Amino acid sequence: MKAIFLIGAAAMALASTSAQAQDVSGFRIEGRLGWEKADAETVLPNPEDDEDETGDEFLVGNDDDDGAAYGVEIGYDMQIGDGFVVGAYGGLDLSDSNICSELVEDELACAELGRTFTVGVRAGVPIGNNSLIYAKGGYSNGKLDLTYDPDLTDNDDEEPGEIAAFSDKRDGYHLGAGAEIGISSSIYAKLEYVYTDFGSDSYLLDEEEETSIDVQSDRHQVLVGLGLRF
């Protein structure tokens, strides 16, 4: 009887230790590095389409660029019972993506992604010791630098290579999923995929002729990271 009692006590102690090891509640901070693919579509609406307003596109350019992405994220997670985790986070991402698309002949439109601020929520399921699989989503605000070079070399009324430049902060959303693997009780490694959509916006090229350019942009990221819980 005493042996059974000791075995039961030991099992309860092991179960308690395991539950504590799986708890991922608390504040966290992480750095991450990875690969991203950024896409942009540039549209010059048909200038002869004012009367019927059919929205026909005059010139359309599509292109993408890939490269390194890096950033930091801070957050707080709360574990509910043994099987569910919810949390909130904020982050900063940096990018060197520069996307240029040729609309027609010598007309060139370029979009360069800069910093992106993110805030959002995530929910997941703890697995093993100090590990987690999760889904996330929230708001993104990205800095976008745009240039348009018509290079009107055969137009006597314009300067050759005249350039219009814009710097804009674009609102959007992001969705993602990932896994965190506990290295110790406070350190974890992660793998994450995130999709960000910055939507579409219009920029005025010529006030007199009311010529504008529409730019839609999004990106895909695959990131690895190292974080600390405390």
C-alpha atoms as a PDB file:
ATOM      1  CA  MET A   1       0.000   0.000   0.000  1.00  0.00           C
ATOM      2  CA  LYS A   2       2.834   2.381   0.868  1.00  0.00           C
ATOM      3  CA  ALA A   3       4.538   1.625  -2.462  1.00  0.00           C
ATOM      4  CA  ILE A   4       1.306   2.370  -4.353  1.00  0.00           C
ATOM      5  CA  PHE A   5       0.984   5.656  -2.485  1.00  0.00           C
ATOM      6  CA  LEU A   6       4.588   6.631  -3.349  1.00  0.00           C
ATOM      7  CA  ILE A   7       4.122   5.722  -7.020  1.00  0.00           C
ATOM      8  CA  GLY A   8       0.910   7.786  -7.138  1.00  0.00           C
ATOM      9  CA  ALA A   9       2.623  10.749  -5.485  1.00  0.00           C
ATOM     10  CA  ALA A  10       5.527  10.537  -7.939  1.00  0.00           C
ATOM     11  CA  ALA A  11       3.117  10.414 -10.898  1.00  0.00           C
ATOM     12  CA  MET A  12       1.275  13.464  -9.615  1.00  0.00           C
ATOM     13  CA  ALA A  13       4.578  15.303  -9.186  1.00  0.00           C
ATOM     14  CA  LEU A  14       5.639  14.432 -12.740  1.00  0.00           C
ATOM     15  CA  ALA A  15       2.275  15.567 -14.113  1.00  0.00           C
ATOM     16  CA  SER A  16       2.589  18.849 -12.222  1.00  0.00           C
ATOM     17  CA  THR A  17       6.130  19.394 -13.521  1.00  0.00           C
ATOM     18  CA  SER A  18       5.018  18.645 -17.089  1.00  0.00           C
ATOM     19  CA  ALA A  19       2.131  21.106 -16.831  1.00  0.00           C
ATOM     20  CA  GLN A  20       4.447  23.793 -15.544  1.00  0.00           C
ATOM     21  CA  ALA A  21       6.958  23.153 -18.317  1.00  0.00           C
ATOM     22  CA  GLN A  22       4.217  23.522 -20.943  1.00  0.00           C
ATOM     23  CA  ASP A  23       2.984  26.865 -19.625  1.00  0.00           C
ATOM     24  CA  VAL A  24       3.907  29.585 -22.146  1.00  0.00           C
ATOM     25  CA  SER A  25       2.224  32.473 -20.325  1.00  0.00           C
ATOM     26  CA  GLY A  26       4.027  35.775 -19.868  1.00  0.00           C
ATOM     27  CA  PHE A  27       5.831  38.511 -21.748  1.00  0.00           C
ATOM     28  CA  ARG A  28       8.154  37.660 -24.638  1.00  0.00           C
ATOM     29  CA  ILE A  29      10.539  39.390 -27.012  1.00  0.00           C
ATOM     30  CA  GLU A  30      12.060  37.974 -30.187  1.00  0.00           C
ATOM     31  CA  GLY A  31      14.213  38.784 -33.160  1.00  0.00           C
ATOM     32  CA  ARG A  32      13.613  37.206 -36.559  1.00  0.00           C
ATOM     33  CA  LEU A  33      15.211  36.938 -39.961  1.00  0.00           C
ATOM     34  CA  GLY A  34      13.950  35.442 -43.168  1.00  0.00           C
ATOM     35  CA  TRP A  35      12.931  35.659 -46.807  1.00  0.00           C
ATOM     36  CA  GLU A  36      10.131  37.671 -48.374  1.00  0.00           C
ATOM     37  CA  LYS A  37       8.520  38.033 -51.764  1.00  0.00           C
ATOM     38  CA  ALA A  38       6.868  41.393 -52.440  1.00  0.00           C
ATOM     39  CA  ASP A  39       4.410  41.981 -55.289  1.00  0.00           C
ATOM     40  CA  ALA A  40       3.091  45.204 -56.795  1.00  0.00           C
ATOM     41  CA  GLU A  41       0.596  45.992 -59.528  1.00  0.00           C
ATOM     42  CA  THR A  42       0.648  49.446 -61.110  1.00  0.00           C
ATOM     43  CA  VAL A  43      -2.289  50.746 -63.160  1.00  0.00           C
ATOM     44  CA  LEU A  44      -2.731  53.918 -65.211  1.00  0.00           C
ATOM     45  CA  PRO A  45      -6.507  54.264 -65.760  1.00  0.00           C
ATOM     46  CA  ASN A  46      -7.725  55.021 -69.279  1.00  0.00           C
ATOM     47  CA  PRO A  47      -7.785  58.832 -69.647  1.00  0.00           C
ATOM     48  CA  GLU A  48     -10.570  58.547 -72.252  1.00  0.00           C
ATOM     49  CA  ASP A  49     -12.836  56.659 -69.882  1.00  0.00           C
ATOM     50  CA  ASP A  50     -14.274  59.617 -67.953  1.00  0.00           C
ATOM     51  CA  GLU A  51     -17.728  59.654 -69.562  1.00  0.00           C
ATOM     52  CA  ASP A  52     -18.830  56.036 -69.339  1.00  0.00           C
ATOM     53  CA  GLU A  53     -16.832  55.288 -66.141  1.00  0.00           C
ATOM     54  CA  THR A  54     -16.358  51.669 -67.108  1.00  0.00           C
ATOM     55  CA  GLY A  55     -13.029  51.538 -65.298  1.00  0.00           C
ATOM     56  CA  ASP A  56     -11.075  50.179 -68.266  1.00  0.00           C
ATOM     57  CA  GLU A  57      -7.360  49.975 -67.561  1.00  0.00           C
ATOM     58  CA  PHE A  58      -4.998  51.906 -69.815  1.00  0.00           C
ATOM     59  CA  LEU A  59      -1.582  50.595 -68.770  1.00  0.00           C
ATOM     60  CA  VAL A  60      -0.934  47.759 -66.322  1.00  0.00           C
ATOM     61  CA  GLY A  61       2.379  46.579 -64.897  1.00  0.00           C
ATOM     62  CA  ASN A  62       3.047  43.634 -62.565  1.00  0.00           C
ATOM     63  CA  ASP A  63       6.321  42.633 -60.958  1.00  0.00           C
ATOM     64  CA  ASP A  64       7.781  41.132 -57.789  1.00  0.00           C
ATOM     65  CA  ASP A  65      11.034  41.072 -55.860  1.00  0.00           C
ATOM     66  CA  ASP A  66      12.422  38.820 -53.140  1.00  0.00           C
ATOM     67  CA  GLY A  67      15.087  39.363 -50.525  1.00  0.00           C
ATOM     68  CA  ALA A  68      15.884  39.459 -46.834  1.00  0.00           C
ATOM     69  CA  ALA A  69      13.381  40.495 -44.168  1.00  0.00           C
ATOM     70  CA  TYR A  70      14.207  41.103 -40.518  1.00  0.00           C
ATOM     71  CA  GLY A  71      12.588  42.560 -37.441  1.00  0.00           C
ATOM     72  CA  VAL A  72      11.584  42.309 -33.799  1.00  0.00           C
ATOM     73  CA  GLU A  73       8.354  41.474 -31.988  1.00  0.00           C
ATOM     74  CA  ILE A  74       7.178  41.847 -28.391  1.00  0.00           C
ATOM     75  CA  GLY A  75       4.065  40.318 -26.928  1.00  0.00           C
ATOM     76  CA  TYR A  76       2.197  38.793 -24.050  1.00  0.00           C
ATOM     77  CA  ASP A  77       0.650  35.307 -24.001  1.00  0.00           C
ATOM     78  CA  MET A  78      -1.817  33.806 -21.547  1.00  0.00           C
ATOM     79  CA  GLN A  79      -2.361  30.075 -21.318  1.00  0.00           C
ATOM     80  CA  ILE A  80      -5.926  28.995 -20.558  1.00  0.00           C
ATOM     81  CA  GLY A  81      -5.950  25.558 -19.003  1.00  0.00           C
ATOM     82  CA  ASP A  82      -3.721  22.953 -20.603  1.00  0.00           C
ATOM     83  CA  GLY A  83      -4.869  23.266 -24.193  1.00  0.00           C
ATOM     84  CA  PHE A  84      -5.241  26.880 -25.351  1.00  0.00           C
ATOM     85  CA  VAL A  85      -3.116  30.041 -25.564  1.00  0.00           C
ATOM     86  CA  VAL A  86      -4.164  33.579 -26.510  1.00  0.00           C
ATOM     87  CA  GLY A  87      -1.921  36.597 -26.824  1.00  0.00           C
ATOM     88  CA  ALA A  88      -1.310  40.066 -28.238  1.00  0.00           C
ATOM     89  CA  TYR A  89       1.792  41.473 -29.927  1.00  0.00           C
ATOM     90  CA  GLY A  90       3.411  44.413 -31.651  1.00  0.00           C
ATOM     91  CA  GLY A  91       6.323  44.337 -34.062  1.00  0.00           C
ATOM     92  CA  LEU A  92       8.642  46.144 -36.435  1.00  0.00           C
ATOM     93  CA  ASP A  93       9.700  44.643 -39.778  1.00  0.00           C
ATOM     94  CA  LEU A  94      12.318  46.013 -42.166  1.00  0.00           C
ATOM     95  CA  SER A  95      12.589  45.229 -45.863  1.00  0.00           C
ATOM     96  CA  ASP A  96      14.852  45.981 -48.815  1.00  0.00           C
ATOM     97  CA  SER A  97      12.361  44.969 -51.517  1.00  0.00           C
ATOM     98  CA  ASN A  98      12.308  47.226 -54.577  1.00  0.00           C
ATOM     99  CA  ILE A  99       9.782  46.389 -57.295  1.00  0.00           C
ATOM    100  CA  CYS A 100       9.907  48.012 -60.737  1.00  0.00           C
ATOM    101  CA  SER A 101       7.448  47.307 -63.547  1.00  0.00           C
ATOM    102  CA  GLU A 102       7.579  48.592 -67.108  1.00  0.00           C
ATOM    103  CA  LEU A 103       4.131  49.802 -68.115  1.00  0.00           C
ATOM    104  CA  VAL A 104       4.896  50.267 -71.798  1.00  0.00           C
ATOM    105  CA  GLU A 105       8.139  50.888 -73.663  1.00  0.00           C
ATOM    106  CA  ASP A 106      10.024  53.467 -71.567  1.00  0.00           C
ATOM    107  CA  GLU A 107       7.436  54.148 -68.827  1.00  0.00           C
ATOM    108  CA  LEU A 108       8.637  52.742 -65.507  1.00  0.00           C
ATOM    109  CA  ALA A 109       6.929  52.565 -62.105  1.00  0.00           C
ATOM    110  CA  CYS A 110       8.816  51.446 -58.965  1.00  0.00           C
ATOM    111  CA  ALA A 111       7.655  50.664 -55.427  1.00  0.00           C
ATOM    112  CA  GLU A 112      10.107  50.229 -52.541  1.00  0.00           C
ATOM    113  CA  LEU A 113       8.920  48.739 -49.247  1.00  0.00           C
ATOM    114  CA  GLY A 114      10.434  50.149 -46.079  1.00  0.00           C
ATOM    115  CA  ARG A 115       9.537  49.634 -42.440  1.00  0.00           C
ATOM    116  CA  THR A 116       6.288  48.022 -41.310  1.00  0.00           C
ATOM    117  CA  PHE A 117       4.650  48.331 -37.893  1.00  0.00           C
ATOM    118  CA  THR A 118       2.316  45.516 -36.836  1.00  0.00           C
ATOM    119  CA  VAL A 119      -0.123  44.904 -33.985  1.00  0.00           C
ATOM    120  CA  GLY A 120      -2.326  41.884 -33.641  1.00  0.00           C
ATOM    121  CA  VAL A 121      -3.576  38.902 -31.716  1.00  0.00           C
ATOM    122  CA  ARG A 122      -2.745  35.222 -31.880  1.00  0.00           C
ATOM    123  CA  ALA A 123      -4.179  31.947 -30.598  1.00  0.00           C
ATOM    124  CA  GLY A 124      -2.578  28.534 -30.382  1.00  0.00           C
ATOM    125  CA  VAL A 125      -2.194  25.148 -28.773  1.00  0.00           C
ATOM    126  CA  PRO A 126       0.759  24.291 -26.472  1.00  0.00           C
ATOM    127  CA  ILE A 127       2.634  21.119 -27.365  1.00  0.00           C
ATOM    128  CA  GLY A 128       5.424  19.320 -25.521  1.00  0.00           C
ATOM    129  CA  ASN A 129       7.594  21.357 -23.189  1.00  0.00           C
ATOM    130  CA  ASN A 130       7.431  25.127 -23.723  1.00  0.00           C
ATOM    131  CA  SER A 131       6.337  24.772 -27.361  1.00  0.00           C
ATOM    132  CA  LEU A 132       3.399  26.186 -29.304  1.00  0.00           C
ATOM    133  CA  ILE A 133       1.637  26.093 -32.664  1.00  0.00           C
ATOM    134  CA  TYR A 134      -0.456  29.164 -33.458  1.00  0.00           C
ATOM    135  CA  ALA A 135      -2.290  31.370 -35.942  1.00  0.00           C
ATOM    136  CA  LYS A 136      -2.054  35.181 -35.932  1.00  0.00           C
ATOM    137  CA  GLY A 137      -3.564  38.233 -37.567  1.00  0.00           C
ATOM    138  CA  GLY A 138      -3.851  41.974 -37.231  1.00  0.00           C
ATOM    139  CA  TYR A 139      -3.131  45.461 -38.523  1.00  0.00           C
ATOM    140  CA  SER A 140      -0.073  46.530 -40.539  1.00  0.00           C
ATOM    141  CA  ASN A 141       1.218  49.997 -41.427  1.00  0.00           C
ATOM    142  CA  GLY A 142       3.926  50.004 -44.079  1.00  0.00           C
ATOM    143  CA  LYS A 143       6.059  52.742 -45.590  1.00  0.00           C
ATOM    144  CA  LEU A 144       5.999  52.697 -49.393  1.00  0.00           C
ATOM    145  CA  ASP A 145       8.223  54.858 -51.624  1.00  0.00           C
ATOM    146  CA  LEU A 146       6.925  55.193 -55.189  1.00  0.00           C
ATOM    147  CA  THR A 147       8.519  56.624 -58.323  1.00  0.00           C
ATOM    148  CA  TYR A 148       7.104  57.011 -61.819  1.00  0.00           C
ATOM    149  CA  ASP A 149       9.358  57.815 -64.768  1.00  0.00           C
ATOM    150  CA  PRO A 150       7.494  58.399 -68.052  1.00  0.00           C
ATOM    151  CA  ASP A 151      10.749  59.229 -69.889  1.00  0.00           C
ATOM    152  CA  LEU A 152       8.827  61.213 -72.526  1.00  0.00           C
ATOM    153  CA  THR A 153      11.804  61.678 -74.827  1.00  0.00           C
ATOM    154  CA  ASP A 154       9.660  62.403 -77.881  1.00  0.00           C
ATOM    155  CA  ASN A 155       7.365  64.962 -76.220  1.00  0.00           C
ATOM    156  CA  ASP A 156       8.611  68.538 -76.678  1.00  0.00           C
ATOM    157  CA  ASP A 157       6.351  69.858 -73.911  1.00  0.00           C
ATOM    158  CA  GLU A 158       7.903  67.747 -71.181  1.00  0.00           C
ATOM    159  CA  GLU A 159      11.392  67.306 -69.844  1.00  0.00           C
ATOM    160  CA  PRO A 160      12.901  63.935 -70.797  1.00  0.00           C
ATOM    161  CA  GLY A 161      12.949  61.563 -67.877  1.00  0.00           C
ATOM    162  CA  GLU A 162      10.562  63.639 -65.742  1.00  0.00           C
ATOM    163  CA  ILE A 163       9.996  61.744 -62.469  1.00  0.00           C
ATOM    164  CA  ALA A 164       7.092  61.796 -60.018  1.00  0.00           C
ATOM    165  CA  ALA A 165       7.946  60.554 -56.519  1.00  0.00           C
ATOM    166  CA  PHE A 166       5.703  59.748 -53.554  1.00  0.00           C
ATOM    167  CA  SER A 167       6.315  58.523 -50.014  1.00  0.00           C
ATOM    168  CA  ASP A 168       3.267  57.036 -48.353  1.00  0.00           C
ATOM    169  CA  LYS A 169       2.328  55.136 -45.203  1.00  0.00           C
ATOM    170  CA  ARG A 170      -0.104  52.401 -46.189  1.00  0.00           C
ATOM    171  CA  ASP A 171      -2.600  50.657 -43.889  1.00  0.00           C
ATOM    172  CA  GLY A 172      -3.238  46.974 -44.366  1.00  0.00           C
ATOM    173  CA  TYR A 173      -3.663  43.647 -42.640  1.00  0.00           C
ATOM    174  CA  HIS A 174      -1.593  40.515 -42.077  1.00  0.00           C
ATOM    175  CA  LEU A 175      -2.373  36.834 -41.487  1.00  0.00           C
ATOM    176  CA  GLY A 176       0.042  34.109 -40.490  1.00  0.00           C
ATOM    177  CA  ALA A 177       0.797  30.858 -38.712  1.00  0.00           C
ATOM    178  CA  GLY A 178       3.829  29.332 -37.076  1.00  0.00           C
ATOM    179  CA  ALA A 179       5.432  27.091 -34.494  1.00  0.00           C
ATOM    180  CA  GLU A 180       7.609  27.857 -31.489  1.00  0.00           C
ATOM    181  CA  ILE A 181       9.891  25.142 -30.144  1.00  0.00           C
ATOM    182  CA  GLY A 182      11.115  25.458 -26.562  1.00  0.00           C
ATOM    183  CA  ILE A 183      14.896  25.273 -26.230  1.00  0.00           C
ATOM    184  CA  SER A 184      14.697  25.883 -22.488  1.00  0.00           C
ATOM    185  CA  SER A 185      12.030  27.076 -20.042  1.00  0.00           C
ATOM    186  CA  SER A 186      12.529  30.664 -21.252  1.00  0.00           C
ATOM    187  CA  ILE A 187      14.137  30.462 -24.724  1.00  0.00           C
ATOM    188  CA  TYR A 188      12.388  29.349 -27.894  1.00  0.00           C
ATOM    189  CA  ALA A 189      13.081  29.093 -31.618  1.00  0.00           C
ATOM    190  CA  LYS A 190      10.353  29.700 -34.190  1.00  0.00           C
ATOM    191  CA  LEU A 191       9.328  29.244 -37.814  1.00  0.00           C
ATOM    192  CA  GLU A 192       6.575  31.503 -39.175  1.00  0.00           C
ATOM    193  CA  TYR A 193       4.764  32.373 -42.408  1.00  0.00           C
ATOM    194  CA  VAL A 194       3.041  35.776 -42.789  1.00  0.00           C
ATOM    195  CA  TYR A 195       0.995  37.270 -45.634  1.00  0.00           C
ATOM    196  CA  THR A 196       0.515  41.071 -45.666  1.00  0.00           C
ATOM    197  CA  ASP A 197      -1.871  43.012 -47.912  1.00  0.00           C
ATOM    198  CA  PHE A 198      -1.393  46.796 -48.138  1.00  0.00           C
ATOM    199  CA  GLY A 199      -4.371  47.267 -50.443  1.00  0.00           C
ATOM    200  CA  SER A 200      -4.570  49.735 -53.337  1.00  0.00           C
ATOM    201  CA  ASP A 201      -4.292  53.514 -53.460  1.00  0.00           C
ATOM    202  CA  SER A 202      -4.169  56.275 -56.079  1.00  0.00           C
ATOM    203  CA  TYR A 203      -1.511  58.975 -56.548  1.00  0.00           C
ATOM    204  CA  LEU A 204      -1.972  62.102 -58.646  1.00  0.00           C
ATOM    205  CA  LEU A 205       0.660  62.509 -61.381  1.00  0.00           C
ATOM    206  CA  ASP A 206      -0.682  65.605 -63.155  1.00  0.00           C
ATOM    207  CA  GLU A 207      -3.155  68.012 -61.533  1.00  0.00           C
ATOM    208  CA  GLU A 208      -4.036  69.772 -64.815  1.00  0.00           C
ATOM    209  CA  GLU A 209      -4.757  66.584 -66.747  1.00  0.00           C
ATOM    210  CA  GLU A 210      -5.976  64.779 -63.595  1.00  0.00           C
ATOM    211  CA  THR A 211      -3.765  61.825 -64.408  1.00  0.00           C
ATOM    212  CA  SER A 212      -3.294  59.361 -61.559  1.00  0.00           C
ATOM    213  CA  ILE A 213      -1.564  56.063 -60.943  1.00  0.00           C
ATOM    214  CA  ASP A 214      -3.017  53.187 -58.872  1.00  0.00           C
ATOM    215  CA  VAL A 215      -0.667  50.919 -56.917  1.00  0.00           C
ATOM    216  CA  GLN A 216      -1.624  47.676 -55.166  1.00  0.00           C
ATOM    217  CA  SER A 217       0.991  45.832 -53.079  1.00  0.00           C
ATOM    218  CA  ASP A 218       1.317  42.744 -50.870  1.00  0.00           C
ATOM    219  CA  ARG A 219       4.020  40.388 -49.643  1.00  0.00           C
ATOM    220  CA  HIS A 220       4.757  36.871 -48.380  1.00  0.00           C
ATOM    221  CA  GLN A 221       7.309  36.192 -45.634  1.00  0.00           C
ATOM    222  CA  VAL A 222       8.933  33.055 -44.228  1.00  0.00           C
ATOM    223  CA  LEU A 223      10.784  33.845 -41.006  1.00  0.00           C
ATOM    224  CA  VAL A 224      12.894  32.078 -38.399  1.00  0.00           C
ATOM    225  CA  GLY A 225      13.417  33.620 -34.993  1.00  0.00           C
ATOM    226  CA  LEU A 226      14.814  33.314 -31.499  1.00  0.00           C
ATOM    227  CA  GLY A 227      12.827  34.552 -28.518  1.00  0.00           C
ATOM    228  CA  LEU A 228      12.927  34.979 -24.759  1.00  0.00           C
ATOM    229  CA  ARG A 229      10.010  34.550 -22.361  1.00  0.00           C
ATOM    230  CA  PHE A 230      10.092  36.212 -18.960  1.00  0.00           C
END
